[in-house]
Amino acid sequence: MSFQKQVTQSLIWRGLYFFTILVMQIFLSRYLEAGNSGWVFYLTNNFSFLLILVGLTMENGVNYYSSSQSINHNKLAWFAIVWTVMISVVVFVGLWFYFGRYKDSTAFTRNEYLFYGLTYITGIQLTNFFTILFYANKNFFLPNLLMVILNVILILIIPKQIGIESTDSSLVVKLYFGYILLNGVVLAVAFICYKKCWQVMSLPKWSEGKLLLRYALIALAANIIFFLVYRVDYWFVKMYCSLSDLGNYIQVSKLGQMLLIIPTIISSVVFPNIAGGMHRQQMKENILRIGRLISLLFVGLFILATLSGEWVFPQVFGYTFQKMYWPFLLLIPGIWALSNLFILSAYFGGINKVKVNVQGASVALFFILLGDWLFIPRFGMEAAALVSSVGYIVNFLYSFYFLKQEHPVRFSQYWRITKDDIRWAKSLLP
């Protein structure tokens, strides 16, 4: 399958999946309102960070060695299941000990948090592993179809009449976390059936396991830094702003993440192709062409958001989300930078130069931590958006500098749309 066809298939099916995610987030935000939805998404943010630390970002090793066809996919599938079970046990013991010894909580509250933590971490770990394995097999249709179906079911089965006296014990929140676990389990079962993994149940050899662990540990520092670059502002906003502001700001951030759908989809195609041996010069041309098309889209988006965002956001997400306008506008330049950075990061990861990604993110994190500490206490969530935007741009420029070391490219090439670019974009249409 050609690179263009892989991009097309991924755009169609992953695009449909992310669309249903957006609808689900709108539903949850309108239903829970800014304060409660902010609490739920803040909780998942903390669990995501815990998963990075405990899971050692092992999915990165699986991604690299499945894409390069270096380790049998059957072995990787069973390894993913065993690893997830081990991580779940560690998380259960850790959360039980934490809430039992150090956190002032009732048994009921402890059980609630155990449920949220276990379902989220187990579900996300399985989802990460098996979407990677599907994509390494150039199958974008089946995993995204299954996740779309599950998203639609979740949207339909939660009746609007369900009341919530306290968010942490509400049925709607429990359904949301339960859905995350179900999503991972369904993908795991689907891949095992797709590759008939039950016929041979084996794990990677000791030497292969060491390769996976070595790659994952190298990527671990990178993923911790990346997470802090993208999410550390949540903690500052939580510390210095109201719960309503936190809900508005996280919704802005999540909307920004939705704008990264296309770059995320493309980067998931870039990595296995470059790791699988695609010529670097050819991939460089694809990266710049994609970057120019992304720049065109973001110029149009910025104009549209400037003209209509102030009244659209409350209409879509609900009246409690009236503070999204300025943070969103301030974040758009940074999201443009992230859109191109994701593709560059996939490129450097594919040629086994993860250190470029780590170094760039470290520089960005320094700017973001300093800016958040100085400005959020004074200027609130608008400062958080602006500081994050600057940090993302710094990160992108750092990676672009190293791309220039490998290829004769100029920053201006991101802004000069050509007829070939238009023809290439048309070739992606089914």
Protein backbone atom coordinates (compact mmCIF):
# COMPACT_ATOMS: atom_id res chain seq x y z
CA MET A 1 0.00 0.00 0.00
CA SER A 2 1.45 3.39 -1.00
CA PHE A 3 2.11 6.17 1.51
CA GLN A 4 -0.77 8.25 0.07
CA LYS A 5 -3.21 5.35 0.35
CA GLN A 6 -2.16 4.68 3.92
CA VAL A 7 -2.73 8.36 4.77
CA THR A 8 -6.13 8.28 3.05
CA GLN A 9 -7.30 5.16 4.87
CA SER A 10 -6.02 6.49 8.18
CA LEU A 11 -7.63 9.90 7.66
CA ILE A 12 -11.01 8.38 6.88
CA TRP A 13 -11.23 5.88 9.72
CA ARG A 14 -9.24 7.64 12.41
CA GLY A 15 -10.95 10.89 11.43
CA LEU A 16 -14.34 9.26 12.01
CA TYR A 17 -13.14 7.93 15.37
CA PHE A 18 -11.92 11.35 16.51
CA PHE A 19 -15.18 12.93 15.36
CA THR A 20 -17.13 10.62 17.66
CA ILE A 21 -14.65 11.45 20.46
CA LEU A 22 -15.42 15.14 19.93
CA VAL A 23 -19.16 14.50 20.08
CA MET A 24 -18.69 12.48 23.27
CA GLN A 25 -16.63 15.25 24.87
CA ILE A 26 -19.27 17.83 23.95
CA PHE A 27 -21.93 15.60 25.48
CA LEU A 28 -19.97 15.11 28.71
CA SER A 29 -19.08 18.80 28.95
CA ARG A 30 -22.65 19.99 28.48
CA TYR A 31 -23.92 17.37 30.90
CA LEU A 32 -21.32 17.75 33.65
CA GLU A 33 -20.72 21.52 33.10
CA ALA A 34 -17.37 23.27 33.45
CA GLY A 35 -16.56 22.52 37.08
CA ASN A 36 -17.44 18.82 37.09
CA SER A 37 -16.03 18.04 33.64
CA GLY A 38 -12.86 19.85 34.65
CA TRP A 39 -12.56 17.52 37.64
CA VAL A 40 -13.05 14.39 35.49
CA PHE A 41 -10.54 15.43 32.82
CA TYR A 42 -8.06 16.59 35.49
CA LEU A 43 -8.34 13.14 37.08
CA THR A 44 -7.64 11.38 33.77
CA ASN A 45 -4.67 13.69 33.31
CA ASN A 46 -3.18 12.47 36.59
CA PHE A 47 -3.86 8.83 35.72
CA SER A 48 -2.18 9.34 32.34
CA PHE A 49 0.96 10.58 34.06
CA LEU A 50 0.86 7.59 36.43
CA LEU A 51 0.59 5.25 33.43
CA ILE A 52 3.71 6.75 31.88
CA LEU A 53 5.68 6.19 35.09
CA VAL A 54 4.44 2.68 35.87
CA GLY A 55 4.08 1.40 32.30
CA LEU A 56 7.55 2.62 31.29
CA THR A 57 6.02 3.65 27.91
CA MET A 58 6.57 0.06 26.76
CA GLU A 59 4.22 0.74 23.83
CA ASN A 60 7.04 2.76 22.26
CA GLY A 61 9.21 -0.34 22.05
CA VAL A 62 6.33 -2.34 20.63
CA ASN A 63 5.71 0.43 18.09
CA TYR A 64 9.31 0.47 16.87
CA TYR A 65 9.88 -3.28 16.65
CA SER A 66 6.46 -4.06 15.19
CA SER A 67 6.85 -1.34 12.54
CA SER A 68 10.32 -2.56 11.59
CA GLN A 69 9.07 -6.18 11.58
CA SER A 70 11.94 -7.10 13.94
CA ILE A 71 9.78 -9.00 16.45
CA ASN A 72 6.86 -11.27 15.57
CA HIS A 73 3.49 -9.57 16.04
CA ASN A 74 2.04 -12.67 17.69
CA LYS A 75 4.68 -12.49 20.42
CA LEU A 76 4.12 -8.75 20.84
CA ALA A 77 0.36 -9.25 21.26
CA TRP A 78 0.75 -11.72 24.12
CA PHE A 79 3.51 -9.59 25.62
CA ALA A 80 1.13 -6.60 25.58
CA ILE A 81 -1.49 -8.55 27.53
CA VAL A 82 0.98 -9.87 30.11
CA TRP A 83 2.53 -6.43 30.55
CA THR A 84 -0.88 -4.78 31.00
CA VAL A 85 -1.87 -7.32 33.67
CA MET A 86 1.39 -6.65 35.53
CA ILE A 87 0.86 -2.89 35.35
CA SER A 88 -2.73 -3.23 36.56
CA VAL A 89 -1.62 -5.20 39.62
CA VAL A 90 1.04 -2.59 40.46
CA VAL A 91 -1.47 0.25 40.06
CA PHE A 92 -4.06 -1.52 42.21
CA VAL A 93 -1.59 -2.10 45.05
CA GLY A 94 -0.22 1.43 44.77
CA LEU A 95 -3.61 3.14 44.80
CA TRP A 96 -4.89 0.93 47.61
CA PHE A 97 -1.83 1.73 49.71
CA TYR A 98 -2.02 5.44 48.89
CA PHE A 99 -5.70 5.90 49.72
CA GLY A 100 -5.49 3.56 52.71
CA ARG A 101 -2.43 5.08 54.37
CA TYR A 102 -1.82 8.63 53.17
CA LYS A 103 -5.09 9.97 51.80
CA ASP A 104 -7.90 10.88 54.18
CA SER A 105 -10.75 9.02 52.50
CA THR A 106 -13.63 6.71 53.34
CA ALA A 107 -13.70 3.12 52.10
CA PHE A 108 -16.34 4.17 49.58
CA THR A 109 -14.18 6.97 48.18
CA ARG A 110 -11.16 4.67 48.04
CA ASN A 111 -13.11 2.09 46.06
CA GLU A 112 -14.33 4.79 43.70
CA TYR A 113 -10.81 5.96 42.95
CA LEU A 114 -9.56 2.40 42.62
CA PHE A 115 -12.25 1.81 40.01
CA TYR A 116 -11.42 5.00 38.10
CA GLY A 117 -7.68 4.37 38.19
CA LEU A 118 -7.77 0.68 37.24
CA THR A 119 -10.29 1.02 34.43
CA TYR A 120 -8.54 4.04 32.92
CA ILE A 121 -4.96 2.78 33.13
CA THR A 122 -5.76 -0.79 32.02
CA GLY A 123 -8.00 0.40 29.19
CA ILE A 124 -5.59 3.03 27.88
CA GLN A 125 -2.61 0.65 28.06
CA LEU A 126 -4.45 -2.01 26.04
CA THR A 127 -5.70 0.59 23.58
CA ASN A 128 -2.19 1.96 23.06
CA PHE A 129 -0.67 -1.47 22.48
CA PHE A 130 -3.24 -2.85 20.09
CA THR A 131 -3.86 0.24 17.98
CA ILE A 132 -0.08 0.28 17.44
CA LEU A 133 -0.11 -3.38 16.39
CA PHE A 134 -3.04 -2.82 14.01
CA TYR A 135 -1.35 0.21 12.42
CA ALA A 136 1.95 -1.67 12.06
CA ASN A 137 -0.06 -4.17 9.98
CA LYS A 138 -1.37 -1.24 7.87
CA ASN A 139 -4.89 -1.91 9.18
CA PHE A 140 -6.56 1.38 10.05
CA PHE A 141 -10.10 0.20 9.34
CA LEU A 142 -10.88 -2.43 11.96
CA PRO A 143 -9.61 -0.79 15.18
CA ASN A 144 -11.18 2.56 14.38
CA LEU A 145 -14.47 0.98 13.32
CA LEU A 146 -14.67 -0.84 16.65
CA MET A 147 -13.83 2.31 18.64
CA VAL A 148 -16.39 4.35 16.67
CA ILE A 149 -19.08 1.79 17.47
CA LEU A 150 -18.20 1.88 21.17
CA ASN A 151 -18.19 5.69 21.19
CA VAL A 152 -21.62 5.85 19.58
CA ILE A 153 -23.01 3.29 22.05
CA LEU A 154 -21.69 5.33 24.99
CA ILE A 155 -23.26 8.50 23.63
CA LEU A 156 -26.61 6.79 23.16
CA ILE A 157 -26.92 4.76 26.36
CA ILE A 158 -26.36 7.58 28.85
CA PRO A 159 -29.79 9.15 29.33
CA LYS A 160 -29.91 12.86 29.98
CA GLN A 161 -32.26 12.26 32.90
CA ILE A 162 -29.45 10.78 35.01
CA GLY A 163 -28.83 13.21 37.86
CA ILE A 164 -25.57 13.73 39.63
CA GLU A 165 -25.55 14.82 43.24
CA SER A 166 -21.77 14.50 43.42
CA THR A 167 -19.63 13.99 40.37
CA ASP A 168 -17.28 11.44 41.91
CA SER A 169 -20.14 8.97 42.51
CA SER A 170 -22.25 9.66 39.45
CA LEU A 171 -23.30 6.94 37.06
CA VAL A 172 -22.25 8.96 34.04
CA VAL A 173 -18.63 9.13 35.26
CA LYS A 174 -18.56 5.41 36.05
CA LEU A 175 -19.89 4.63 32.59
CA TYR A 176 -17.20 6.82 31.04
CA PHE A 177 -14.35 5.05 32.85
CA GLY A 178 -15.91 1.63 32.23
CA TYR A 179 -16.11 2.44 28.52
CA ILE A 180 -12.36 3.15 28.46
CA LEU A 181 -11.62 -0.33 29.82
CA LEU A 182 -14.08 -1.97 27.42
CA ASN A 183 -12.43 -0.15 24.51
CA GLY A 184 -9.03 -1.67 25.31
CA VAL A 185 -10.39 -5.18 25.87
CA VAL A 186 -12.32 -5.15 22.57
CA LEU A 187 -9.23 -4.06 20.63
CA ALA A 188 -7.11 -6.78 22.25
CA VAL A 189 -9.63 -9.50 21.42
CA ALA A 190 -10.05 -8.16 17.88
CA PHE A 191 -6.30 -8.24 17.17
CA ILE A 192 -5.94 -11.76 18.60
CA CYS A 193 -8.75 -12.91 16.30
CA TYR A 194 -7.41 -10.90 13.33
CA LYS A 195 -3.92 -12.44 13.54
CA LYS A 196 -5.13 -15.79 14.97
CA CYS A 197 -2.77 -15.36 17.88
CA TRP A 198 -4.45 -18.13 19.86
CA GLN A 199 -2.82 -20.69 17.56
CA VAL A 200 0.63 -19.99 19.02
CA MET A 201 0.84 -18.46 22.49
CA SER A 202 4.43 -17.28 22.92
CA LEU A 203 6.30 -14.31 24.32
CA PRO A 204 9.37 -12.51 22.97
CA LYS A 205 12.71 -14.22 23.64
CA TRP A 206 14.91 -12.85 26.41
CA SER A 207 17.07 -11.01 23.88
CA GLU A 208 13.96 -9.50 22.24
CA GLY A 209 12.57 -8.52 25.63
CA LYS A 210 15.78 -6.67 26.42
CA LEU A 211 15.47 -4.77 23.12
CA LEU A 212 11.90 -3.76 23.97
CA LEU A 213 12.85 -2.66 27.45
CA ARG A 214 15.92 -0.73 26.27
CA TYR A 215 13.94 1.19 23.65
CA ALA A 216 11.10 1.87 26.11
CA LEU A 217 13.44 3.17 28.80
CA ILE A 218 15.11 5.51 26.33
CA ALA A 219 11.67 6.77 25.32
CA LEU A 220 10.49 6.98 28.95
CA ALA A 221 12.36 10.18 29.72
CA ALA A 222 11.05 11.62 26.46
CA ASN A 223 7.45 10.76 27.27
CA ILE A 224 7.65 12.18 30.79
CA ILE A 225 9.00 15.43 29.38
CA PHE A 226 6.44 15.46 26.54
CA PHE A 227 3.61 14.90 29.00
CA LEU A 228 4.77 17.78 31.18
CA VAL A 229 5.15 20.04 28.14
CA TYR A 230 1.55 19.37 27.11
CA ARG A 231 -0.13 19.03 30.53
CA VAL A 232 1.87 20.75 33.29
CA ASP A 233 -0.24 23.87 32.78
CA TYR A 234 -3.27 21.92 34.12
CA TRP A 235 -1.66 21.74 37.54
CA PHE A 236 -0.81 25.45 37.57
CA VAL A 237 -4.34 26.42 36.50
CA LYS A 238 -5.78 24.06 39.16
CA MET A 239 -3.54 25.71 41.77
CA TYR A 240 -4.18 29.37 40.94
CA CYS A 241 -7.60 29.50 39.24
CA SER A 242 -11.16 28.47 40.03
CA LEU A 243 -12.61 25.03 39.24
CA SER A 244 -14.75 26.67 36.55
CA ASP A 245 -11.64 28.22 34.98
CA LEU A 246 -9.97 24.81 35.08
CA GLY A 247 -12.93 23.28 33.24
CA ASN A 248 -12.83 26.01 30.60
CA TYR A 249 -9.08 25.75 30.17
CA ILE A 250 -9.00 21.96 29.91
CA GLN A 251 -11.81 22.14 27.35
CA VAL A 252 -9.70 24.61 25.32
CA SER A 253 -6.76 22.23 25.61
CA LYS A 254 -8.85 19.25 24.55
CA LEU A 255 -10.24 21.20 21.62
CA GLY A 256 -6.65 21.99 20.67
CA GLN A 257 -5.87 18.29 20.88
CA MET A 258 -8.76 17.60 18.51
CA LEU A 259 -7.11 19.98 16.03
CA LEU A 260 -4.11 17.67 16.17
CA ILE A 261 -6.17 14.83 14.73
CA ILE A 262 -4.83 15.10 11.19
CA PRO A 263 -1.15 15.47 12.23
CA THR A 264 -1.58 12.58 14.69
CA ILE A 265 -3.07 10.41 11.98
CA ILE A 266 -0.32 11.29 9.52
CA SER A 267 2.45 10.77 12.09
CA SER A 268 1.08 7.28 12.78
CA VAL A 269 1.72 6.58 9.09
CA VAL A 270 5.07 8.38 8.93
CA PHE A 271 6.66 6.38 11.77
CA PRO A 272 6.12 2.83 10.47
CA ASN A 273 7.09 3.87 6.95
CA ILE A 274 10.36 5.54 7.94
CA ALA A 275 11.14 2.76 10.45
CA GLY A 276 10.31 0.24 7.75
CA GLY A 277 12.87 1.73 5.35
CA MET A 278 11.24 4.50 3.28
CA HIS A 279 13.87 6.78 1.71
CA ARG A 280 14.51 9.80 3.95
CA GLN A 281 14.58 12.31 1.10
CA GLN A 282 11.17 11.15 -0.07
CA MET A 283 9.80 11.37 3.47
CA LYS A 284 11.26 14.89 3.85
CA GLU A 285 9.30 16.04 0.80
CA ASN A 286 6.13 14.52 2.25
CA ILE A 287 6.75 16.22 5.62
CA LEU A 288 7.13 19.68 4.07
CA ARG A 289 4.15 19.20 1.79
CA ILE A 290 1.96 18.14 4.70
CA GLY A 291 3.29 21.10 6.71
CA ARG A 292 2.26 23.58 4.03
CA LEU A 293 -1.26 22.16 3.87
CA ILE A 294 -1.51 22.27 7.67
CA SER A 295 -0.42 25.93 7.66
CA LEU A 296 -3.14 26.79 5.16
CA LEU A 297 -5.76 25.07 7.31
CA PHE A 298 -4.65 26.89 10.46
CA VAL A 299 -4.77 30.32 8.84
CA GLY A 300 -8.39 29.66 7.92
CA LEU A 301 -9.12 28.26 11.38
CA PHE A 302 -7.68 31.30 13.14
CA ILE A 303 -9.82 33.65 11.05
CA LEU A 304 -12.93 31.55 11.69
CA ALA A 305 -12.28 31.32 15.45
CA THR A 306 -11.66 35.07 15.68
CA LEU A 307 -14.96 35.89 14.01
CA SER A 308 -17.24 33.30 15.63
CA GLY A 309 -15.57 31.69 18.65
CA GLU A 310 -16.97 34.04 21.28
CA TRP A 311 -20.56 32.86 20.73
CA VAL A 312 -19.92 29.39 19.27
CA PHE A 313 -18.15 27.91 22.32
CA PRO A 314 -21.01 28.52 24.81
CA GLN A 315 -23.53 27.34 22.22
CA VAL A 316 -21.67 24.06 21.64
CA PHE A 317 -20.30 23.21 25.09
CA GLY A 318 -22.87 24.97 27.27
CA TYR A 319 -23.28 28.29 29.05
CA THR A 320 -20.62 27.45 31.70
CA PHE A 321 -17.92 27.55 28.97
CA GLN A 322 -17.97 31.30 28.31
CA LYS A 323 -14.26 31.82 29.04
CA MET A 324 -12.84 29.72 26.21
CA TYR A 325 -12.51 32.41 23.53
CA TRP A 326 -9.25 34.21 24.38
CA PRO A 327 -7.34 31.13 25.63
CA PHE A 328 -8.27 29.34 22.40
CA LEU A 329 -7.06 32.18 20.18
CA LEU A 330 -3.80 32.42 22.12
CA LEU A 331 -3.28 28.66 21.85
CA ILE A 332 -3.85 28.33 18.08
CA PRO A 333 -0.29 29.34 17.01
CA GLY A 334 1.09 26.76 19.42
CA ILE A 335 -1.26 24.08 18.08
CA TRP A 336 0.00 24.88 14.56
CA ALA A 337 3.54 24.32 15.83
CA LEU A 338 2.53 21.05 17.52
CA SER A 339 0.83 19.88 14.33
CA ASN A 340 4.11 20.08 12.46
CA LEU A 341 6.17 18.95 15.45
CA PHE A 342 4.22 15.67 15.71
CA ILE A 343 5.23 14.76 12.17
CA LEU A 344 8.87 15.76 12.74
CA SER A 345 8.91 13.74 15.98
CA ALA A 346 7.60 10.68 14.14
CA TYR A 347 10.35 11.16 11.55
CA PHE A 348 13.15 11.40 14.14
CA GLY A 349 11.66 8.48 16.09
CA GLY A 350 11.57 6.41 12.91
CA ILE A 351 15.27 7.01 12.21
CA ASN A 352 16.06 6.21 15.87
CA LYS A 353 17.01 9.77 16.84
CA VAL A 354 14.65 10.09 19.79
CA LYS A 355 17.21 12.31 21.53
CA VAL A 356 16.27 15.18 19.19
CA ASN A 357 12.68 14.94 20.40
CA VAL A 358 13.78 14.76 24.04
CA GLN A 359 16.13 17.74 23.79
CA GLY A 360 13.54 19.91 22.05
CA ALA A 361 10.84 19.04 24.58
CA SER A 362 13.26 19.76 27.46
CA VAL A 363 13.92 23.26 26.15
CA ALA A 364 10.18 23.84 25.70
CA LEU A 365 9.45 22.55 29.21
CA PHE A 366 11.90 25.04 30.71
CA PHE A 367 10.10 27.93 28.99
CA ILE A 368 6.66 26.64 30.00
CA LEU A 369 7.53 26.03 33.66
CA LEU A 370 9.14 29.45 34.00
CA GLY A 371 6.29 31.21 32.21
CA ASP A 372 3.56 29.38 34.13
CA TRP A 373 5.22 30.15 37.45
CA LEU A 374 5.64 33.83 36.61
CA PHE A 375 2.39 34.67 34.82
CA ILE A 376 -0.48 32.31 35.73
CA PRO A 377 -0.78 33.62 39.33
CA ARG A 378 -1.12 37.16 37.91
CA PHE A 379 -3.03 36.73 34.66
CA GLY A 380 -4.84 33.40 34.98
CA MET A 381 -5.63 30.85 32.30
CA GLU A 382 -5.05 33.29 29.41
CA ALA A 383 -1.40 33.39 30.49
CA ALA A 384 -1.33 29.58 30.58
CA ALA A 385 -2.52 29.44 26.97
CA LEU A 386 0.01 32.02 25.76
CA VAL A 387 2.93 30.43 27.62
CA SER A 388 2.06 26.99 26.26
CA SER A 389 1.81 28.39 22.75
CA VAL A 390 5.29 29.92 23.01
CA GLY A 391 6.70 26.67 24.41
CA TYR A 392 5.24 24.61 21.56
CA ILE A 393 6.68 26.98 18.97
CA VAL A 394 10.13 26.76 20.62
CA ASN A 395 9.89 22.96 20.55
CA PHE A 396 8.99 22.92 16.86
CA LEU A 397 11.78 25.31 15.88
CA TYR A 398 14.31 23.16 17.74
CA SER A 399 13.28 20.03 15.81
CA PHE A 400 13.16 21.97 12.55
CA TYR A 401 16.76 23.07 13.13
CA PHE A 402 17.85 19.41 13.21
CA LEU A 403 15.81 18.65 10.10
CA LYS A 404 17.87 21.37 8.41
CA GLN A 405 21.02 19.53 9.45
CA GLU A 406 19.90 16.52 7.42
CA HIS A 407 18.22 18.24 4.47
CA PRO A 408 18.50 21.66 2.78
CA VAL A 409 15.16 23.12 3.96
CA ARG A 410 13.95 26.61 4.87
CA PHE A 411 11.25 27.70 7.31
CA SER A 412 9.58 29.67 4.51
CA GLN A 413 8.81 26.35 2.78
CA TYR A 414 6.02 25.83 5.30
CA TRP A 415 4.11 28.78 3.82
CA ARG A 416 4.46 28.44 0.03
CA ILE A 417 1.61 26.33 -1.31
CA THR A 418 2.31 24.90 -4.78
CA LYS A 419 0.18 23.25 -7.43
CA ASP A 420 1.93 19.97 -6.67
CA ASP A 421 0.73 20.27 -3.07
CA ILE A 422 -2.87 20.64 -4.23
CA ARG A 423 -2.51 17.67 -6.59
CA TRP A 424 -0.98 15.61 -3.78
CA ALA A 425 -3.85 16.54 -1.45
CA LYS A 426 -6.37 15.56 -4.14
CA SER A 427 -4.63 12.19 -4.49
CA LEU A 428 -5.59 11.46 -0.88
CA LEU A 429 -9.29 11.62 -1.75
CA PRO A 430 -10.88 8.19 -2.05
